[in-house]
C-alpha atoms as a PDB file:
ATOM      1  CA  MET A   1      -2.060 -42.636  43.186  1.00  0.00           C
ATOM      2  CA  LYS A   2       0.213 -39.620  42.711  1.00  0.00           C
ATOM      3  CA  LYS A   3       1.164 -40.840  39.239  1.00  0.00           C
ATOM      4  CA  GLN A   4      -2.505 -41.121  38.253  1.00  0.00           C
ATOM      5  CA  ILE A   5      -3.235 -37.554  39.383  1.00  0.00           C
ATOM      6  CA  ILE A   6      -0.127 -36.153  37.668  1.00  0.00           C
ATOM      7  CA  LEU A   7      -0.968 -38.001  34.445  1.00  0.00           C
ATOM      8  CA  LEU A   8      -4.528 -36.631  34.525  1.00  0.00           C
ATOM      9  CA  LEU A   9      -3.298 -33.062  35.053  1.00  0.00           C
ATOM     10  CA  ILE A  10      -0.690 -33.300  32.283  1.00  0.00           C
ATOM     11  CA  LEU A  11      -3.101 -34.836  29.780  1.00  0.00           C
ATOM     12  CA  SER A  12      -5.745 -32.207  30.571  1.00  0.00           C
ATOM     13  CA  VAL A  13      -3.337 -29.334  29.899  1.00  0.00           C
ATOM     14  CA  LEU A  14      -1.878 -30.926  26.758  1.00  0.00           C
ATOM     15  CA  MET A  15      -5.291 -31.680  25.272  1.00  0.00           C
ATOM     16  CA  GLN A  16      -6.468 -28.124  25.955  1.00  0.00           C
ATOM     17  CA  ILE A  17      -3.352 -26.742  24.240  1.00  0.00           C
ATOM     18  CA  PHE A  18      -3.828 -29.103  21.268  1.00  0.00           C
ATOM     19  CA  PHE A  19      -7.453 -28.031  21.014  1.00  0.00           C
ATOM     20  CA  ASP A  20      -6.629 -24.311  21.016  1.00  0.00           C
ATOM     21  CA  VAL A  21      -3.900 -24.834  18.405  1.00  0.00           C
ATOM     22  CA  SER A  22      -5.987 -27.125  16.187  1.00  0.00           C
ATOM     23  CA  VAL A  23      -8.897 -24.675  15.953  1.00  0.00           C
ATOM     24  CA  ASP A  24      -6.514 -21.699  15.578  1.00  0.00           C
ATOM     25  CA  LYS A  25      -8.109 -19.953  18.540  1.00  0.00           C
ATOM     26  CA  PHE A  26      -6.017 -16.804  18.269  1.00  0.00           C
ATOM     27  CA  GLU A  27      -7.065 -16.253  14.651  1.00  0.00           C
ATOM     28  CA  ILE A  28     -10.723 -16.476  15.704  1.00  0.00           C
ATOM     29  CA  VAL A  29     -10.064 -14.010  18.541  1.00  0.00           C
ATOM     30  CA  LYS A  30      -8.305 -11.726  16.045  1.00  0.00           C
ATOM     31  CA  GLN A  31     -11.314 -11.732  13.717  1.00  0.00           C
ATOM     32  CA  PHE A  32     -13.622 -11.014  16.646  1.00  0.00           C
ATOM     33  CA  ILE A  33     -11.542  -8.030  17.805  1.00  0.00           C
ATOM     34  CA  GLU A  34     -11.335  -6.648  14.268  1.00  0.00           C
ATOM     35  CA  ASP A  35     -15.107  -6.791  14.003  1.00  0.00           C
ATOM     36  CA  GLN A  36     -15.623  -5.153  17.383  1.00  0.00           C
ATOM     37  CA  LEU A  37     -12.797  -2.599  17.675  1.00  0.00           C
ATOM     38  CA  GLY A  38     -11.162  -2.374  14.267  1.00  0.00           C
ATOM     39  CA  THR A  39      -7.601  -3.307  13.304  1.00  0.00           C
ATOM     40  CA  TYR A  40      -5.819  -0.706  15.456  1.00  0.00           C
ATOM     41  CA  TYR A  41      -6.053  -2.686  18.718  1.00  0.00           C
ATOM     42  CA  VAL A  42      -5.734  -6.179  17.241  1.00  0.00           C
ATOM     43  CA  GLN A  43      -2.012  -6.883  17.552  1.00  0.00           C
ATOM     44  CA  ASP A  44      -1.684  -5.633  21.133  1.00  0.00           C
ATOM     45  CA  PHE A  45      -4.770  -7.549  22.176  1.00  0.00           C
ATOM     46  CA  ILE A  46      -3.573 -10.774  20.529  1.00  0.00           C
ATOM     47  CA  GLU A  47      -0.216 -10.562  22.288  1.00  0.00           C
ATOM     48  CA  TYR A  48      -1.965  -9.944  25.586  1.00  0.00           C
ATOM     49  CA  ASN A  49      -4.343 -12.834  24.924  1.00  0.00           C
ATOM     50  CA  LYS A  50      -1.462 -15.213  24.173  1.00  0.00           C
ATOM     51  CA  LYS A  51       0.243 -14.322  27.453  1.00  0.00           C
ATOM     52  CA  LEU A  52      -3.041 -14.753  29.291  1.00  0.00           C
ATOM     53  CA  SER A  53      -3.554 -18.153  27.687  1.00  0.00           C
ATOM     54  CA  TRP A  54      -0.337 -19.458  29.203  1.00  0.00           C
ATOM     55  CA  VAL A  55      -1.515 -18.232  32.584  1.00  0.00           C
ATOM     56  CA  ASN A  56      -4.756 -20.159  32.020  1.00  0.00           C
ATOM     57  CA  TYR A  57      -2.799 -23.283  31.085  1.00  0.00           C
ATOM     58  CA  ALA A  58      -0.803 -22.939  34.298  1.00  0.00           C
ATOM     59  CA  LEU A  59      -3.973 -22.499  36.389  1.00  0.00           C
ATOM     60  CA  LEU A  60      -5.830 -25.371  34.710  1.00  0.00           C
ATOM     61  CA  PRO A  61      -4.083 -28.209  36.625  1.00  0.00           C
ATOM     62  CA  ILE A  62      -4.526 -26.315  39.902  1.00  0.00           C
ATOM     63  CA  ALA A  63      -8.255 -25.872  39.272  1.00  0.00           C
ATOM     64  CA  LEU A  64      -8.615 -29.513  38.217  1.00  0.00           C
ATOM     65  CA  PHE A  65      -6.708 -30.740  41.282  1.00  0.00           C
ATOM     66  CA  LEU A  66      -8.959 -28.691  43.585  1.00  0.00           C
ATOM     67  CA  ARG A  67     -12.039 -30.003  41.745  1.00  0.00           C
ATOM     68  CA  VAL A  68     -10.938 -33.594  42.333  1.00  0.00           C
ATOM     69  CA  LEU A  69     -10.277 -32.950  46.023  1.00  0.00           C
ATOM     70  CA  ILE A  70     -13.630 -31.205  46.542  1.00  0.00           C
ATOM     71  CA  ILE A  71     -15.656 -33.839  44.681  1.00  0.00           C
ATOM     72  CA  ALA A  72     -13.951 -36.608  46.647  1.00  0.00           C
ATOM     73  CA  LEU A  73     -14.803 -34.736  49.853  1.00  0.00           C
ATOM     74  CA  VAL A  74     -18.447 -34.313  48.799  1.00  0.00           C
ATOM     75  CA  LEU A  75     -18.696 -38.011  47.977  1.00  0.00           C
ATOM     76  CA  ASN A  76     -17.009 -38.898  51.247  1.00  0.00           C
ATOM     77  CA  VAL A  77     -19.726 -37.020  53.150  1.00  0.00           C
ATOM     78  CA  GLY A  78     -22.451 -38.662  51.071  1.00  0.00           C
ATOM     79  CA  PHE A  79     -21.023 -42.133  51.620  1.00  0.00           C
ATOM     80  CA  TYR A  80     -20.661 -41.503  55.346  1.00  0.00           C
ATOM     81  CA  LEU A  81     -24.317 -40.481  55.623  1.00  0.00           C
ATOM     82  CA  THR A  82     -25.441 -43.584  53.733  1.00  0.00           C
ATOM     83  CA  LYS A  83     -23.160 -45.925  55.705  1.00  0.00           C
ATOM     84  CA  ILE A  84     -20.863 -46.746  52.803  1.00  0.00           C
ATOM     85  CA  GLU A  85     -17.446 -47.302  54.290  1.00  0.00           C
ATOM     86  CA  LEU A  86     -14.712 -46.117  51.967  1.00  0.00           C
ATOM     87  CA  PRO A  87     -11.520 -44.285  52.965  1.00  0.00           C
ATOM     88  CA  TYR A  88     -11.007 -40.835  51.459  1.00  0.00           C
ATOM     89  CA  LYS A  89      -7.904 -42.018  49.614  1.00  0.00           C
ATOM     90  CA  THR A  90      -9.925 -44.692  47.827  1.00  0.00           C
ATOM     91  CA  ILE A  91     -12.643 -42.196  46.904  1.00  0.00           C
ATOM     92  CA  LEU A  92      -9.981 -39.836  45.570  1.00  0.00           C
ATOM     93  CA  LYS A  93      -8.586 -42.632  43.420  1.00  0.00           C
ATOM     94  CA  ILE A  94     -12.079 -43.363  42.054  1.00  0.00           C
ATOM     95  CA  VAL A  95     -12.700 -39.706  41.210  1.00  0.00           C
ATOM     96  CA  VAL A  96      -9.379 -39.444  39.359  1.00  0.00           C
ATOM     97  CA  LYS A  97     -10.276 -42.486  37.241  1.00  0.00           C
ATOM     98  CA  ALA A  98     -13.703 -41.076  36.402  1.00  0.00           C
ATOM     99  CA  GLU A  99     -12.267 -37.659  35.440  1.00  0.00           C
ATOM    100  CA  TYR A 100     -10.755 -39.161  32.288  1.00  0.00           C
ATOM    101  CA  VAL A 101     -14.224 -39.183  30.719  1.00  0.00           C
ATOM    102  CA  PHE A 102     -14.020 -35.387  30.367  1.00  0.00           C
ATOM    103  CA  LEU A 103     -10.870 -35.741  28.262  1.00  0.00           C
ATOM    104  CA  LEU A 104     -13.066 -37.558  25.771  1.00  0.00           C
ATOM    105  CA  ALA A 105     -15.248 -34.440  25.590  1.00  0.00           C
ATOM    106  CA  ILE A 106     -12.215 -32.333  24.607  1.00  0.00           C
ATOM    107  CA  LEU A 107     -11.260 -34.905  21.970  1.00  0.00           C
ATOM    108  CA  ILE A 108     -14.772 -34.832  20.484  1.00  0.00           C
ATOM    109  CA  LYS A 109     -14.691 -31.007  20.438  1.00  0.00           C
ATOM    110  CA  MET A 110     -11.383 -31.157  18.599  1.00  0.00           C
ATOM    111  CA  ILE A 111     -12.794 -33.530  15.983  1.00  0.00           C
ATOM    112  CA  TRP A 112     -15.996 -31.484  15.657  1.00  0.00           C
ATOM    113  CA  PHE A 113     -14.284 -28.156  14.984  1.00  0.00           C
ATOM    114  CA  ASN A 114     -11.643 -29.620  12.680  1.00  0.00           C
ATOM    115  CA  TYR A 115     -13.731 -31.957  10.532  1.00  0.00           C
ATOM    116  CA  PHE A 116     -17.442 -31.135  10.820  1.00  0.00           C
ATOM    117  CA  ILE A 117     -17.787 -27.349  10.953  1.00  0.00           C
ATOM    118  CA  ASP A 118     -15.949 -24.544   9.185  1.00  0.00           C
ATOM    119  CA  ASN A 119     -17.703 -21.250   9.822  1.00  0.00           C
ATOM    120  CA  TYR A 120     -17.966 -20.360  13.509  1.00  0.00           C
ATOM    121  CA  GLY A 121     -17.269 -17.455  15.812  1.00  0.00           C
ATOM    122  CA  ILE A 122     -15.708 -16.979  19.220  1.00  0.00           C
ATOM    123  CA  GLU A 123     -19.014 -17.364  21.092  1.00  0.00           C
ATOM    124  CA  TYR A 124     -19.776 -20.732  19.496  1.00  0.00           C
ATOM    125  CA  LEU A 125     -16.219 -21.896  20.155  1.00  0.00           C
ATOM    126  CA  GLN A 126     -16.446 -20.936  23.829  1.00  0.00           C
ATOM    127  CA  ASN A 127     -19.935 -22.259  24.477  1.00  0.00           C
ATOM    128  CA  PHE A 128     -20.014 -25.477  22.462  1.00  0.00           C
ATOM    129  CA  TYR A 129     -20.066 -28.679  24.509  1.00  0.00           C
ATOM    130  CA  PRO A 130     -20.791 -32.044  22.870  1.00  0.00           C
ATOM    131  CA  PHE A 131     -23.978 -33.907  23.797  1.00  0.00           C
ATOM    132  CA  SER A 132     -25.194 -31.116  26.073  1.00  0.00           C
ATOM    133  CA  GLY A 133     -28.513 -29.367  26.575  1.00  0.00           C
ATOM    134  CA  LEU A 134     -27.257 -26.484  24.419  1.00  0.00           C
ATOM    135  CA  ASN A 135     -27.304 -28.781  21.386  1.00  0.00           C
ATOM    136  CA  ILE A 136     -31.064 -29.084  21.883  1.00  0.00           C
ATOM    137  CA  THR A 137     -31.994 -25.502  22.763  1.00  0.00           C
ATOM    138  CA  GLY A 138     -29.499 -23.809  20.466  1.00  0.00           C
ATOM    139  CA  TYR A 139     -27.165 -20.958  21.394  1.00  0.00           C
ATOM    140  CA  HIS A 140     -29.458 -17.968  20.840  1.00  0.00           C
ATOM    141  CA  ILE A 141     -30.840 -17.976  24.364  1.00  0.00           C
ATOM    142  CA  ASN A 142     -30.558 -15.849  27.487  1.00  0.00           C
ATOM    143  CA  PRO A 143     -26.819 -15.996  28.441  1.00  0.00           C
ATOM    144  CA  ILE A 144     -27.689 -16.953  32.023  1.00  0.00           C
ATOM    145  CA  TYR A 145     -28.886 -20.361  30.819  1.00  0.00           C
ATOM    146  CA  ILE A 146     -25.822 -21.220  28.723  1.00  0.00           C
ATOM    147  CA  TYR A 147     -23.625 -22.551  31.544  1.00  0.00           C
ATOM    148  CA  PRO A 148     -26.371 -24.645  33.209  1.00  0.00           C
ATOM    149  CA  LEU A 149     -27.287 -26.197  29.861  1.00  0.00           C
ATOM    150  CA  LYS A 150     -23.612 -26.966  29.176  1.00  0.00           C
ATOM    151  CA  LYS A 151     -23.432 -28.839  32.474  1.00  0.00           C
ATOM    152  CA  ILE A 152     -26.403 -30.987  31.464  1.00  0.00           C
ATOM    153  CA  ASN A 153     -24.526 -33.399  29.213  1.00  0.00           C
ATOM    154  CA  LEU A 154     -23.845 -37.087  28.656  1.00  0.00           C
ATOM    155  CA  PHE A 155     -20.327 -36.832  30.066  1.00  0.00           C
ATOM    156  CA  GLU A 156     -21.655 -35.776  33.480  1.00  0.00           C
ATOM    157  CA  VAL A 157     -24.007 -38.774  33.338  1.00  0.00           C
ATOM    158  CA  ALA A 158     -21.144 -41.092  32.367  1.00  0.00           C
ATOM    159  CA  TYR A 159     -19.076 -39.563  35.188  1.00  0.00           C
ATOM    160  CA  CYS A 160     -21.711 -40.542  37.757  1.00  0.00           C
ATOM    161  CA  PHE A 161     -22.014 -44.030  36.267  1.00  0.00           C
ATOM    162  CA  LEU A 162     -18.249 -44.560  36.402  1.00  0.00           C
ATOM    163  CA  ILE A 163     -17.976 -43.401  40.008  1.00  0.00           C
ATOM    164  CA  GLY A 164     -20.974 -45.561  40.962  1.00  0.00           C
ATOM    165  CA  TYR A 165     -19.384 -48.551  39.235  1.00  0.00           C
ATOM    166  CA  PHE A 166     -15.986 -48.094  40.910  1.00  0.00           C
ATOM    167  CA  VAL A 167     -17.648 -47.538  44.296  1.00  0.00           C
ATOM    168  CA  SER A 168     -19.626 -50.767  43.918  1.00  0.00           C
ATOM    169  CA  LYS A 169     -16.390 -52.632  43.147  1.00  0.00           C
ATOM    170  CA  GLU A 170     -14.529 -51.163  46.111  1.00  0.00           C
ATOM    171  CA  SER A 171     -17.304 -51.548  48.692  1.00  0.00           C
ATOM    172  CA  ASN A 172     -19.371 -54.498  47.407  1.00  0.00           C
ATOM    173  CA  ILE A 173     -22.655 -52.607  47.928  1.00  0.00           C
ATOM    174  CA  GLY A 174     -24.112 -53.166  44.478  1.00  0.00           C
ATOM    175  CA  PHE A 175     -23.984 -50.887  41.451  1.00  0.00           C
ATOM    176  CA  SER A 176     -27.461 -49.373  41.899  1.00  0.00           C
ATOM    177  CA  ASN A 177     -26.754 -48.261  45.481  1.00  0.00           C
ATOM    178  CA  GLY A 178     -23.395 -46.838  44.508  1.00  0.00           C
ATOM    179  CA  LEU A 179     -24.907 -44.965  41.571  1.00  0.00           C
ATOM    180  CA  ILE A 180     -27.803 -43.537  43.588  1.00  0.00           C
ATOM    181  CA  THR A 181     -25.540 -42.294  46.383  1.00  0.00           C
ATOM    182  CA  THR A 182     -23.056 -40.858  43.892  1.00  0.00           C
ATOM    183  CA  THR A 183     -25.773 -39.093  41.906  1.00  0.00           C
ATOM    184  CA  LEU A 184     -27.374 -37.606  45.002  1.00  0.00           C
ATOM    185  CA  SER A 185     -24.052 -36.449  46.471  1.00  0.00           C
ATOM    186  CA  TYR A 186     -22.352 -35.169  43.340  1.00  0.00           C
ATOM    187  CA  GLY A 187     -25.594 -34.011  41.719  1.00  0.00           C
ATOM    188  CA  SER A 188     -26.516 -31.895  44.746  1.00  0.00           C
ATOM    189  CA  ALA A 189     -23.081 -30.259  44.829  1.00  0.00           C
ATOM    190  CA  LEU A 190     -23.199 -29.623  41.074  1.00  0.00           C
ATOM    191  CA  ALA A 191     -26.677 -28.080  41.329  1.00  0.00           C
ATOM    192  CA  LEU A 192     -25.492 -25.741  44.112  1.00  0.00           C
ATOM    193  CA  TRP A 193     -22.472 -24.719  42.038  1.00  0.00           C
ATOM    194  CA  VAL A 194     -24.669 -23.956  39.003  1.00  0.00           C
ATOM    195  CA  LEU A 195     -27.049 -21.905  41.150  1.00  0.00           C
ATOM    196  CA  PHE A 196     -24.089 -19.999  42.611  1.00  0.00           C
ATOM    197  CA  PHE A 197     -22.821 -19.309  39.092  1.00  0.00           C
ATOM    198  CA  MET A 198     -26.238 -18.067  37.940  1.00  0.00           C
ATOM    199  CA  PHE A 199     -26.581 -15.850  41.018  1.00  0.00           C
ATOM    200  CA  SER A 200     -23.116 -14.367  40.415  1.00  0.00           C
ATOM    201  CA  PHE A 201     -23.930 -13.831  36.747  1.00  0.00           C
ATOM    202  CA  ILE A 202     -27.112 -11.906  37.636  1.00  0.00           C
ATOM    203  CA  ASN A 203     -25.280  -9.722  40.157  1.00  0.00           C
ATOM    204  CA  ASN A 204     -22.529  -8.846  37.679  1.00  0.00           C
ATOM    205  CA  ASN A 205     -24.832  -7.959  34.790  1.00  0.00           C
END
């Protein structure tokens, strides 16, 4: 169990680093700063941004670990209310397995930016998420809707399906019951998080 979590955390950090390097993120940031502030502040800002990136890489596994713990807790409550008997440790193991689907999203982003698109800016780089609602609406929308539309994507759907599948295997309740309970539990928590984000965004702008 510990090995699976550690492997997930390491792979997540490595893939994020590979993505940033492959798309030459700092060069894109440099161009953005030159356009906004001129060349005088570029070098200092780039150095600061590089240092900050390593802080972000260090915080990424912590944030991911907390996400896994919280989602497992949310599912545990949902399963308890629906009389699905699964120990928290088993639920945690299931969540860790399902989390690997989001690594596929990073891989697709890497392929997309390296082989399918050449001319893009910092906003597109930050906001792009494969197979999400943003691909339908486009990116020239009210900023408050960008994050919610990013969260509406095929990987979140696959995540629920994987958890539902693993739950059905561990508890013998049937795939449909496992999927429904997972979707209601995780989906409700995700909806609350998105609403919290939107509320915070409104208050800070």
